[in-house]
Amino acid sequence: MSDKRENSVDEKLETKEKDNRSLIPDNQAQDERYVHKVGVPPKQKLYKEIKSAVKETFFPDDPLRSFKDQTKKRKFILGIQAVFPILDWGRTYNLTKFRGDVISGLTIASLCIPQDIGYAKLANLSPEYGLYSSFVPPLIYALMGSSRDIAIGPVAVVSLLLGTLLQEEIDSAMNPKDYLRLAFTATFFAGITQATLGILRLGFLIDFLSHAAIVGFMGGAAITIALQQLKGFLGIKKFTKKTDIISVMQSVFGSMRHGWNWQTIVIATTFLGFLLFAKYMGKKNKRLFWVPAIAPLISVVLSTLLVFITRADKEGVAIVKHIEKGINPPSVKDLFLSGEYLLKGFKIGVVAGMVALTEAVAIGRTFASMKDYQIDGNKEMVAMGVMNVVGSMSSCYVATGSFSRSAVNYMAGCQTAVSNIVMSIVVLLTLAFLTPLFKYTPNAILSAIIISAVINLIDLYAVKLIWKIDKFDFVACMGAFFGVIFFSVEIGLLVAVCISFAKILLQVTRPRTAILGKIPRTTVYRNILQYPEATKVPGILIVRVDSAIYFSNSNYIKERILRWLVDEEEQTKKLYQNKIQFLIVEMSPVTDIDTSGIHALEELNGSLKKREIQLILANPGPVVMHKLHASEFVDLIGQDNIFLTVADAVSSCNPKIMNDV
């Protein structure tokens, strides 16, 4: 009889439990469930807190870890190797690596010589200055750089940017001497800027220019550069000095009747077709990577012979005429270190240096990931800075990593930075012995080479991908693009920076929030928009904040949570459901909180109390928990209302809801 009575009682309890489960989510009705308390981190001393913050901000890669537990002699050697990485990898250098570096060095030299002559013209400088910039800077980088694949020298975008900014200050035609001095001064300050960023570990600043903005800026710059080459491509003598597309088109079509030279057009069109075909062959068959690399030099040789034999220069075909013979002359005395041009040189140098640095670091990271090795961004900045400072004192203008040359360097099988040394030696020999041979080189071929080179900067696939992924990124991309082609390079750069910062501000000031529901047959709570099958818990509103809570967004987060609450209360009234009694804030994504954020939580708690709703926090992190305790906010809402997980919080709330029911 007693067994039957016990079975009858058990059946009643089981029936009652099932009834309760119809109101309570699965696995959450266990009154005796163990709930783990949220840990409070031990209080650190102020000095340790500051030290930890500084280390994480400026030294996240722990650059001094290799120095630990080493002798003084070993530390000295490691220090020298840190400044000059060539002393580290040079110990394992062998003949096999040297063979690869020689082949790749000769290959990129054949590409860089004609490009350098053309890029110097973009910067409104004489052709030899482009060659100078592919001699000294690569040697410095080979000693101090950490990338094995990057090829150093002048690049189209920086050359155009530098030429545009310098031309606004000094007319290169009216005052070529001061123009050249200002170019060296800007290069000096570009190097100082780059080295300073590296030494002070401020490399993260260049990451503020988003990938989308860079894609748009590069694409716009490529079109602007190509349009600028129409002067040499069509043989136009009088051409606008403005870079916007409207001014260029007016200049091109305004001189159509009497300004175009048909011989120049034939030469330019023919060799541009040859260069594009060579590029196509290289892409189609990876083994023929050397074809597009050597095509520019072949074009220069053939076009020079053609002009010399036919004397097309007498028919109006513009030629290079004269390239100064000899290696880089010193230019220390030419720097503007005082006077009115000092500040102007500084401003231009900072802008050019940052753009050059952004391009170089992006290229270095790309090829490092392809070969699965790491580069130190800050070391790269120091190396770039030193090479440009030294370059400014040896008649060079701003040099950086070239994507086209680096790609060829990679495809040619380079092993180390010795390929840059090989390239520099070839450029040295060219400067010492071969520059007179470029006398009859037509400007048209240089324009064709530059146009074929900058086409690669227009990345339509990336633009399409940006549109698919993030529409705001697409706006940034197009803003930078149109800013460059319709106004100027510096305006496009400014637009790119402004839109990038606007996106950061928007994400910081308007963080995402979400309502969470319970995934069936689990104790997991997720966004109900992402998981439509997730169910809300009766009487409980669960909100997740997907950002740190700072002064810039604290008021928005408070108001957004209250709007969620109002919407939820209206919905429960319509559906005759339980009144909201608990608001659970999931704080896993909240990495930090400041005094404004805590004040906003206090105000939120006050508003909830007036509605007779209890505020509950789930899984606050160690930093947040420490600050909540320090501000006594934990005492305000009660330690019992802070839980390790959302499931624990819901489990604790359910019995209270049941009692009210």
Foldseek 3Di string as FASTA:
>chain_A
DVVVVVVVVVVVVVVVVVVLCVQFPPPQQDPPDDFDFDDFDDDDDPVVVVVVVCCVQQPVVVVCPVVPPDDPVVNVVVVQCQQFVCVVVVVVDDPVLVVLLLLLLVLLLLQQLLLLQLLCVLLVHASVQQLLQLFQLLVLCQGQFDFFQFAKGDDNLLSNLNSLLLCVVPPCVVCVLLSLLLLLQLLQLLLVLLQVCLVRSVLCVLPLLDPLLQLLLLQLSLVLLLLVLVCQLFLFDDADPFRAQVRSVCRCVVPVPPGGQVVSNVLLVVLLVVLVVQVVVCVVDVVSLSSNSNSLSVSQLVQLVVCVVVVCVVVRFAASAADAAAHFDFCPVSHPPDDDSNVSSNVSNNVSSSVQLSVQVVLSVVVCVVVVHDTDSSSNSSSQSVSSNVSSRRSHGRMHTDNSSSVSSVSSRNDGSVSSVSSSVVSNCCRHPPRVSRNSRTSSSSSSSSSSRSVVSNDVVVLVVCVVPPVLSNVLSNQLNNLPRRHHSVSSVVSSSVSSVVVVLCCQQPPDKAWWFAQHPDLDIDGCVVPVNGHHNFQETEMETQEAAELNHLQVVLVVLVVVLVVVQVVCVVVVTHGRAEYEYEAPNHPAYDPNNLVSVVVSQVVCVVVNHAYAYEQHDNRHSNVCVVVVVCVVRDSVRYGDHPSSNSSVCSVVSVVVD
